[in-house]
Amino acid sequence: MLKRISVENLTVGMHLKEFCGSWMEHPFWRTGFVITDTKDIDSILASSIKEVWIDCAKGLDVALGEQAISVAESEAQVDAELTRAAIDVRKVERTPVAAEIARAVKICAKSKQAVTSMFNEARMGKTVDTAGAQRLVEEISDSVTRNPGALISLARLKTADDYTYMHSVAVCALMVALSKQLALDEAQTRSAGIAGLLHDLGKAKMPMDVLNKPGKLTDEEFAIIKSHPEEGYRMLLAGSGVDPVALDVVLHHHEKTDGSGYPKHLKAEEISLFAKMGAVCDVYDAITSNRPYKSGWDPAESLRKMAEWTTGHFDPTVFQAFVKSLGIYPIGSLVLLSSGRLGIVVEQGEKSLLTPRVKVFFSTKAKARIRPEVLDLSRPGCPEKIAGREDPAKWNFPDLNELWSGLSGSPW
């Protein structure tokens, strides 16, 4: 028997089935567990969640004299009610990047906590809760729908210490954006997001000193790291209800179209569409992020380098769609304008990949900072156009990320 009750009636020993409210509002990354500590109840009471579903077959019922708000005979009834409630409150409308960044910061922070918990549980041998991960993917997908550049770009700001966990969040968002660009349906997009989130789960079994080594790996250490796809695959198989797309991407996201990848050395036609998508998204986030052994590359420069690797590495059609999903000059790219001014890309244009919105802030002619100004290069009559990319390392501006995001320092 499933019952919807007020959080005021929660007691230790109850099996918490679902929260009635947004995943972002409750204090846990997953549900489906027996409450064993009064601190968990205190955390729920301190949140904005007012009602929860409990499973009386797996835990305690409400106390004598207490009334449930409603009763359901099956999980399908609960899922249907929660889905109706979610549709009523969710607004997935296109929003400007500046507006979405504030929401994306919260989503990224909560997602990092969730992925950290997921990896820690995996290290302890617990099975992965893919249902809990699904809630996370829904929030990320909604953010990408509102404005794809916000969360994707924010996730790139991860520190070297955050890399393992925020990389999973970033690849999830990139997979969702790429799915939409490829016109995949809602179910396929959801599967791609789950696959992106879980693709590196096998790294939970890697020795931390090897995973976070600040220098080049030895051949023996690299062999250990190369085992993570198969480790992750085995970990997912140990659970139940795992999306087959996630299993495929976890195992094959390091395959290359020329057969030189691992672990199975698959060639182009042998690699699924989703694994090809995972390969592109994984590499892009890896090379644009700060790692223990190197600083991340500029987004536009990263796409240029990846284009050079397309033959034998990435599927050309998938890579072209990936570029369209991000823009030729992704958010955060440093560009030189035809006037000689430098600017940072703050948002993609809706009409052309070549005409994003750019915040100009430096004159190369005067060799001095100028008052920041946002230019919409797609606006009719705009006299400026992008003359080319610029290497941030050449200029060493300390506030590039702050210029496009409005945030100071790492948000995590």
Protein backbone atom coordinates (compact mmCIF):
# COMPACT_ATOMS: atom_id res chain seq x y z
CA MET A 1 0.00 0.00 0.00
CA LEU A 2 1.34 3.44 -1.00
CA LYS A 3 0.21 6.50 0.96
CA ARG A 4 0.72 10.22 0.47
CA ILE A 5 1.24 11.84 3.86
CA SER A 6 2.28 15.18 5.34
CA VAL A 7 5.97 15.43 6.18
CA GLU A 8 4.87 16.20 9.74
CA ASN A 9 3.81 12.56 10.04
CA LEU A 10 7.15 11.05 9.01
CA THR A 11 8.80 8.72 11.49
CA VAL A 12 11.93 6.60 11.58
CA GLY A 13 11.21 3.22 9.99
CA MET A 14 9.04 4.53 7.14
CA HIS A 15 10.03 3.68 3.56
CA LEU A 16 10.18 6.97 1.66
CA LYS A 17 8.98 6.22 -1.85
CA GLU A 18 8.81 9.66 -3.49
CA PHE A 19 8.82 13.36 -2.68
CA CYS A 20 5.89 15.49 -3.84
CA GLY A 21 7.76 18.38 -5.38
CA SER A 22 10.72 19.32 -7.53
CA TRP A 23 13.91 17.30 -7.31
CA MET A 24 15.66 20.61 -6.66
CA GLU A 25 13.61 21.24 -3.52
CA HIS A 26 14.31 18.13 -1.47
CA PRO A 27 17.55 17.39 0.43
CA PHE A 28 18.34 13.95 -1.06
CA TRP A 29 19.51 12.98 -4.53
CA ARG A 30 17.38 9.84 -4.57
CA THR A 31 14.33 8.26 -2.96
CA GLY A 32 13.32 4.67 -2.26
CA PHE A 33 14.93 4.14 1.16
CA VAL A 34 13.93 3.46 4.76
CA ILE A 35 14.38 6.43 7.09
CA THR A 36 16.80 5.36 9.81
CA ASP A 37 17.86 8.70 11.30
CA THR A 38 15.79 11.55 12.74
CA LYS A 39 18.26 13.95 11.09
CA ASP A 40 16.85 12.91 7.72
CA ILE A 41 13.37 13.88 8.89
CA ASP A 42 14.71 17.21 10.17
CA SER A 43 16.26 17.87 6.75
CA ILE A 44 12.94 17.19 5.03
CA LEU A 45 11.03 19.41 7.47
CA ALA A 46 13.54 22.21 6.83
CA SER A 47 12.95 21.99 3.06
CA SER A 48 9.99 23.30 1.08
CA ILE A 49 8.62 19.76 0.62
CA LYS A 50 5.22 19.39 2.35
CA GLU A 51 4.11 15.89 1.32
CA VAL A 52 5.73 12.55 0.52
CA TRP A 53 4.69 9.07 -0.61
CA ILE A 54 5.55 6.15 1.66
CA ASP A 55 5.44 2.42 0.90
CA CYS A 56 3.77 0.63 3.80
CA ALA A 57 4.80 -2.77 2.44
CA LYS A 58 8.48 -1.89 2.90
CA GLY A 59 8.32 0.21 6.06
CA LEU A 60 6.12 1.50 8.85
CA ASP A 61 2.58 2.76 8.26
CA VAL A 62 1.23 6.04 9.63
CA ALA A 63 0.47 5.99 13.34
CA LEU A 64 -2.97 5.03 14.61
CA GLY A 65 -5.31 7.98 14.35
CA GLU A 66 -3.29 9.66 11.57
CA GLN A 67 -4.91 9.99 8.15
CA ALA A 68 -3.17 9.70 4.80
CA ILE A 69 -3.85 12.46 2.26
CA SER A 70 -4.40 9.86 -0.45
CA VAL A 71 -3.82 6.16 -1.10
CA ALA A 72 -2.53 4.34 -4.20
CA GLU A 73 -2.60 0.64 -4.94
CA SER A 74 0.32 0.68 -7.41
CA GLU A 75 3.49 2.53 -8.27
CA ALA A 76 1.94 3.40 -11.64
CA GLN A 77 -0.72 5.47 -9.87
CA VAL A 78 1.93 7.35 -7.91
CA ASP A 79 4.01 7.95 -11.04
CA ALA A 80 0.96 9.24 -12.91
CA GLU A 81 0.07 11.65 -10.11
CA LEU A 82 3.65 12.93 -9.81
CA THR A 83 3.86 13.36 -13.59
CA ARG A 84 0.65 15.40 -13.66
CA ALA A 85 1.94 17.57 -10.83
CA ALA A 86 5.29 18.05 -12.56
CA ILE A 87 3.60 19.13 -15.80
CA ASP A 88 1.58 21.68 -13.85
CA VAL A 89 4.63 23.35 -12.29
CA ARG A 90 7.36 22.92 -14.94
CA LYS A 91 7.89 25.79 -17.34
CA VAL A 92 10.27 24.97 -20.13
CA GLU A 93 10.35 28.15 -22.16
CA ARG A 94 13.29 29.74 -23.94
CA THR A 95 15.03 32.22 -21.64
CA PRO A 96 18.04 34.55 -22.04
CA VAL A 97 21.34 33.06 -20.94
CA ALA A 98 21.75 35.56 -18.08
CA ALA A 99 18.41 34.51 -16.59
CA GLU A 100 19.14 30.80 -16.94
CA ILE A 101 22.61 31.03 -15.40
CA ALA A 102 21.15 31.74 -11.95
CA ARG A 103 19.03 28.58 -12.16
CA ALA A 104 21.83 26.59 -13.74
CA VAL A 105 24.16 27.38 -10.82
CA LYS A 106 21.70 25.74 -8.43
CA ILE A 107 21.16 22.76 -10.74
CA CYS A 108 24.91 22.22 -11.14
CA ALA A 109 25.51 22.45 -7.39
CA LYS A 110 22.74 19.95 -6.60
CA SER A 111 23.86 17.72 -9.44
CA LYS A 112 27.43 17.68 -8.15
CA GLN A 113 26.15 16.52 -4.75
CA ALA A 114 24.06 13.81 -6.42
CA VAL A 115 26.87 12.49 -8.61
CA THR A 116 29.32 12.58 -5.69
CA SER A 117 26.89 10.49 -3.64
CA MET A 118 26.33 8.14 -6.57
CA PHE A 119 30.07 7.54 -7.02
CA ASN A 120 30.61 7.09 -3.28
CA GLU A 121 27.83 4.51 -3.09
CA ALA A 122 29.29 2.74 -6.13
CA ARG A 123 32.70 2.61 -4.42
CA MET A 124 31.03 0.90 -1.46
CA GLY A 125 29.54 -1.72 -3.76
CA LYS A 126 25.97 -0.45 -3.73
CA THR A 127 23.89 -0.69 -6.91
CA VAL A 128 23.26 2.52 -8.86
CA ASP A 129 19.84 4.11 -8.38
CA THR A 130 18.96 4.98 -11.98
CA ALA A 131 15.50 6.23 -10.91
CA GLY A 132 17.14 8.89 -8.77
CA ALA A 133 19.47 9.75 -11.62
CA GLN A 134 16.45 10.24 -13.88
CA ARG A 135 15.19 13.15 -11.76
CA LEU A 136 18.59 14.79 -12.13
CA VAL A 137 18.53 14.34 -15.91
CA GLU A 138 15.07 15.92 -16.13
CA GLU A 139 16.32 19.08 -14.38
CA ILE A 140 19.38 19.26 -16.61
CA SER A 141 17.28 18.66 -19.73
CA ASP A 142 14.84 21.41 -18.79
CA SER A 143 17.72 23.86 -18.31
CA VAL A 144 19.20 22.94 -21.70
CA THR A 145 15.78 23.49 -23.29
CA ARG A 146 15.43 26.92 -21.70
CA ASN A 147 18.91 27.92 -22.83
CA PRO A 148 21.50 25.32 -23.88
CA GLY A 149 24.52 27.52 -23.36
CA ALA A 150 24.02 28.37 -19.69
CA LEU A 151 24.44 25.05 -17.88
CA ILE A 152 26.84 23.59 -20.44
CA SER A 153 29.16 26.57 -20.09
CA LEU A 154 28.89 26.73 -16.31
CA ALA A 155 29.77 23.06 -15.95
CA ARG A 156 33.00 23.81 -17.83
CA LEU A 157 34.12 26.03 -14.92
CA LYS A 158 34.84 23.01 -12.75
CA THR A 159 38.09 22.90 -10.82
CA ALA A 160 40.55 20.04 -11.15
CA ASP A 161 39.27 18.66 -7.82
CA ASP A 162 35.65 18.72 -9.06
CA TYR A 163 36.45 17.22 -12.44
CA THR A 164 35.33 13.61 -11.97
CA TYR A 165 31.87 14.57 -10.72
CA MET A 166 31.12 17.72 -12.73
CA HIS A 167 32.38 16.01 -15.90
CA SER A 168 29.43 13.61 -15.60
CA VAL A 169 27.02 16.56 -15.25
CA ALA A 170 28.57 18.36 -18.22
CA VAL A 171 28.48 15.31 -20.50
CA CYS A 172 24.83 14.73 -19.54
CA ALA A 173 23.97 18.30 -20.61
CA LEU A 174 26.01 18.02 -23.81
CA MET A 175 24.28 14.74 -24.70
CA VAL A 176 20.85 16.33 -24.19
CA ALA A 177 21.76 19.33 -26.37
CA LEU A 178 23.20 17.06 -29.08
CA SER A 179 20.09 14.85 -28.98
CA LYS A 180 17.89 17.86 -29.59
CA GLN A 181 20.12 18.96 -32.48
CA LEU A 182 19.82 15.47 -34.00
CA ALA A 183 16.02 15.69 -33.58
CA LEU A 184 15.85 12.58 -31.38
CA ASP A 185 12.54 12.05 -29.61
CA GLU A 186 11.91 12.71 -25.93
CA ALA A 187 12.56 9.14 -24.82
CA GLN A 188 15.82 8.96 -26.78
CA THR A 189 16.92 12.33 -25.40
CA ARG A 190 16.21 11.15 -21.87
CA SER A 191 18.21 7.95 -22.49
CA ALA A 192 21.10 9.98 -23.92
CA GLY A 193 21.10 12.18 -20.81
CA ILE A 194 21.17 9.19 -18.45
CA ALA A 195 23.97 7.67 -20.53
CA GLY A 196 25.99 10.90 -20.31
CA LEU A 197 25.50 11.10 -16.57
CA LEU A 198 26.62 7.51 -16.00
CA HIS A 199 29.26 7.17 -18.74
CA ASP A 200 32.25 7.38 -16.37
CA LEU A 201 30.73 5.45 -13.47
CA GLY A 202 33.52 2.88 -13.75
CA LYS A 203 35.97 5.51 -12.51
CA ALA A 204 34.45 5.00 -9.06
CA LYS A 205 36.47 1.78 -8.99
CA MET A 206 39.74 3.41 -10.09
CA PRO A 207 42.50 4.07 -7.50
CA MET A 208 42.24 7.73 -6.49
CA ASP A 209 46.00 8.29 -6.73
CA VAL A 210 45.90 7.18 -10.37
CA LEU A 211 42.63 8.98 -11.20
CA ASN A 212 43.90 12.31 -9.82
CA LYS A 213 47.57 11.98 -10.72
CA PRO A 214 48.90 15.45 -11.64
CA GLY A 215 51.39 14.13 -14.19
CA LYS A 216 51.52 11.78 -17.14
CA LEU A 217 50.31 8.24 -16.46
CA THR A 218 52.66 5.30 -16.83
CA ASP A 219 51.68 2.52 -19.21
CA GLU A 220 50.56 0.43 -16.23
CA GLU A 221 48.47 3.28 -14.82
CA PHE A 222 46.89 3.99 -18.21
CA ALA A 223 45.96 0.31 -18.49
CA ILE A 224 44.13 0.63 -15.17
CA ILE A 225 42.22 3.73 -16.33
CA LYS A 226 41.32 2.01 -19.61
CA SER A 227 39.42 -0.60 -17.59
CA HIS A 228 36.80 1.93 -16.43
CA PRO A 229 34.29 1.32 -19.27
CA GLU A 230 34.07 -2.38 -18.49
CA GLU A 231 33.99 -1.73 -14.74
CA GLY A 232 31.11 0.71 -15.20
CA TYR A 233 29.28 -1.74 -17.45
CA ARG A 234 29.53 -4.48 -14.82
CA MET A 235 28.33 -2.10 -12.10
CA LEU A 236 25.26 -1.10 -14.09
CA LEU A 237 24.44 -4.72 -14.94
CA ALA A 238 24.33 -5.47 -11.22
CA GLY A 239 21.36 -3.11 -10.85
CA SER A 240 17.84 -3.40 -12.19
CA GLY A 241 15.92 -1.46 -14.83
CA VAL A 242 19.06 0.01 -16.36
CA ASP A 243 18.56 1.82 -19.67
CA PRO A 244 20.25 -0.22 -22.46
CA VAL A 245 21.46 3.03 -24.02
CA ALA A 246 23.36 3.80 -20.81
CA LEU A 247 24.93 0.35 -20.83
CA ASP A 248 26.04 0.86 -24.43
CA VAL A 249 27.55 4.32 -23.86
CA VAL A 250 29.25 3.35 -20.60
CA LEU A 251 31.02 0.50 -22.39
CA HIS A 252 31.74 2.13 -25.76
CA HIS A 253 32.29 5.91 -25.29
CA HIS A 254 36.03 5.47 -25.90
CA GLU A 255 35.65 3.64 -29.21
CA LYS A 256 36.92 5.43 -32.35
CA THR A 257 35.59 5.12 -35.89
CA ASP A 258 38.92 3.76 -37.19
CA GLY A 259 38.89 0.91 -34.65
CA SER A 260 41.75 2.27 -32.54
CA GLY A 261 39.58 2.91 -29.48
CA TYR A 262 38.84 0.68 -26.51
CA PRO A 263 37.76 -1.69 -25.03
CA LYS A 264 36.39 -3.59 -28.06
CA HIS A 265 38.17 -1.81 -30.95
CA LEU A 266 34.86 -1.30 -32.75
CA LYS A 267 34.82 0.44 -36.13
CA ALA A 268 32.43 3.06 -37.52
CA GLU A 269 29.45 0.92 -38.49
CA GLU A 270 29.83 -1.21 -35.34
CA ILE A 271 29.49 1.77 -32.99
CA SER A 272 25.97 2.90 -32.07
CA LEU A 273 24.76 6.48 -32.60
CA PHE A 274 24.60 7.05 -28.84
CA ALA A 275 28.16 5.79 -28.28
CA LYS A 276 29.37 8.07 -31.08
CA MET A 277 27.57 10.96 -29.35
CA GLY A 278 29.13 10.02 -26.03
CA ALA A 279 32.61 10.01 -27.55
CA VAL A 280 32.27 13.57 -28.85
CA CYS A 281 30.69 14.97 -25.67
CA ASP A 282 33.24 13.24 -23.42
CA VAL A 283 36.25 14.56 -25.33
CA TYR A 284 34.94 18.13 -25.63
CA ASP A 285 34.33 18.51 -21.90
CA ALA A 286 37.63 16.84 -21.07
CA ILE A 287 39.76 19.16 -23.19
CA THR A 288 37.93 22.36 -22.19
CA SER A 289 38.15 21.60 -18.44
CA ASN A 290 40.95 22.17 -15.97
CA ARG A 291 42.42 18.77 -15.10
CA PRO A 292 44.94 17.75 -12.43
CA TYR A 293 47.66 17.71 -15.11
CA LYS A 294 46.65 20.53 -17.50
CA SER A 295 44.55 23.65 -17.96
CA GLY A 296 41.48 23.52 -20.19
CA TRP A 297 41.57 24.83 -23.75
CA ASP A 298 39.41 27.64 -25.10
CA PRO A 299 36.02 26.30 -26.33
CA ALA A 300 36.38 27.54 -29.93
CA GLU A 301 39.96 26.29 -30.15
CA SER A 302 38.84 22.93 -28.77
CA LEU A 303 36.26 22.54 -31.54
CA ARG A 304 38.92 23.43 -34.12
CA LYS A 305 41.26 20.76 -32.76
CA MET A 306 38.47 18.19 -32.63
CA ALA A 307 37.62 18.93 -36.27
CA GLU A 308 41.19 17.95 -37.14
CA TRP A 309 40.68 14.64 -35.34
CA THR A 310 37.37 13.81 -37.05
CA THR A 311 38.95 11.39 -39.53
CA GLY A 312 39.33 8.14 -37.64
CA HIS A 313 38.13 9.50 -34.28
CA PHE A 314 34.60 10.94 -34.44
CA ASP A 315 31.65 10.28 -36.69
CA PRO A 316 31.53 13.33 -39.05
CA THR A 317 27.74 13.68 -39.00
CA VAL A 318 27.58 13.51 -35.21
CA PHE A 319 30.46 15.98 -34.87
CA GLN A 320 28.82 18.48 -37.25
CA ALA A 321 25.60 18.30 -35.23
CA PHE A 322 27.63 18.79 -32.05
CA VAL A 323 29.18 21.99 -33.41
CA LYS A 324 25.73 23.28 -34.36
CA SER A 325 24.47 22.55 -30.84
CA LEU A 326 27.26 24.65 -29.28
CA GLY A 327 28.00 27.19 -32.00
CA ILE A 328 31.27 27.63 -33.87
CA TYR A 329 32.21 30.07 -31.13
CA PRO A 330 30.77 28.52 -27.92
CA ILE A 331 29.99 30.67 -24.90
CA GLY A 332 33.23 31.71 -23.22
CA SER A 333 35.23 31.86 -26.46
CA LEU A 334 37.63 34.81 -26.78
CA VAL A 335 37.30 36.44 -30.22
CA LEU A 336 38.85 39.32 -32.16
CA LEU A 337 36.37 41.60 -33.90
CA SER A 338 36.93 43.44 -37.18
CA SER A 339 37.38 46.72 -35.27
CA GLY A 340 40.37 45.35 -33.40
CA ARG A 341 38.43 44.95 -30.16
CA LEU A 342 38.44 41.74 -28.14
CA GLY A 343 35.25 40.21 -26.83
CA ILE A 344 33.95 37.15 -25.04
CA VAL A 345 31.00 35.22 -26.49
CA VAL A 346 28.06 35.42 -24.05
CA GLU A 347 25.23 33.84 -26.06
CA GLN A 348 24.60 32.17 -29.40
CA GLY A 349 22.70 33.94 -32.16
CA GLU A 350 19.45 32.32 -33.27
CA LYS A 351 20.03 32.88 -37.01
CA SER A 352 23.68 32.03 -37.65
CA LEU A 353 26.57 30.22 -35.98
CA LEU A 354 28.80 33.12 -37.04
CA THR A 355 26.89 35.91 -35.31
CA PRO A 356 26.71 35.33 -31.55
CA ARG A 357 26.27 38.02 -28.88
CA VAL A 358 29.70 39.22 -27.76
CA LYS A 359 30.77 41.31 -24.77
CA VAL A 360 33.63 43.57 -25.94
CA PHE A 361 36.02 44.73 -23.23
CA PHE A 362 39.50 45.41 -24.70
CA SER A 363 41.01 47.48 -27.51
CA THR A 364 44.02 45.88 -29.19
CA LYS A 365 44.81 49.22 -30.84
CA ALA A 366 44.91 51.15 -27.57
CA LYS A 367 46.18 48.09 -25.69
CA ALA A 368 43.77 48.92 -22.88
CA ARG A 369 40.56 47.75 -21.27
CA ILE A 370 37.41 49.54 -22.41
CA ARG A 371 33.95 49.79 -20.91
CA PRO A 372 32.25 46.40 -21.46
CA GLU A 373 29.49 46.44 -24.06
CA VAL A 374 27.36 43.59 -25.40
CA LEU A 375 27.02 43.50 -29.19
CA ASP A 376 24.50 41.39 -31.07
CA LEU A 377 26.43 40.53 -34.22
CA SER A 378 23.22 39.29 -35.88
CA ARG A 379 21.53 42.70 -35.58
CA PRO A 380 20.93 44.30 -38.99
CA GLY A 381 23.45 47.04 -39.60
CA CYS A 382 25.91 45.83 -36.96
CA PRO A 383 29.30 46.98 -38.30
CA GLU A 384 31.28 44.31 -36.44
CA LYS A 385 32.05 40.73 -37.35
CA ILE A 386 34.35 38.10 -35.90
CA ALA A 387 37.81 38.25 -37.45
CA GLY A 388 39.05 35.15 -35.66
CA ARG A 389 39.64 33.28 -32.41
CA GLU A 390 42.13 34.45 -29.83
CA ASP A 391 44.17 32.34 -27.44
CA PRO A 392 43.30 33.36 -23.83
CA ALA A 393 46.78 32.27 -22.71
CA LYS A 394 48.28 34.93 -24.98
CA TRP A 395 46.37 37.71 -23.21
CA ASN A 396 46.17 36.30 -19.68
CA PHE A 397 42.95 38.09 -18.70
CA PRO A 398 42.11 36.94 -15.14
CA ASP A 399 38.36 37.60 -15.39
CA LEU A 400 37.26 35.98 -18.66
CA ASN A 401 34.85 33.59 -16.97
CA GLU A 402 33.42 36.38 -14.86
CA LEU A 403 32.87 38.50 -17.98
CA TRP A 404 30.56 36.01 -19.67
CA SER A 405 28.95 34.39 -16.62
CA GLY A 406 28.61 37.30 -14.22
CA LEU A 407 30.02 35.02 -11.50
CA SER A 408 33.25 35.57 -9.60
CA GLY A 409 35.37 32.50 -8.99
CA SER A 410 34.22 28.91 -9.29
CA PRO A 411 30.51 28.50 -8.46
CA TRP A 412 31.15 25.08 -6.89
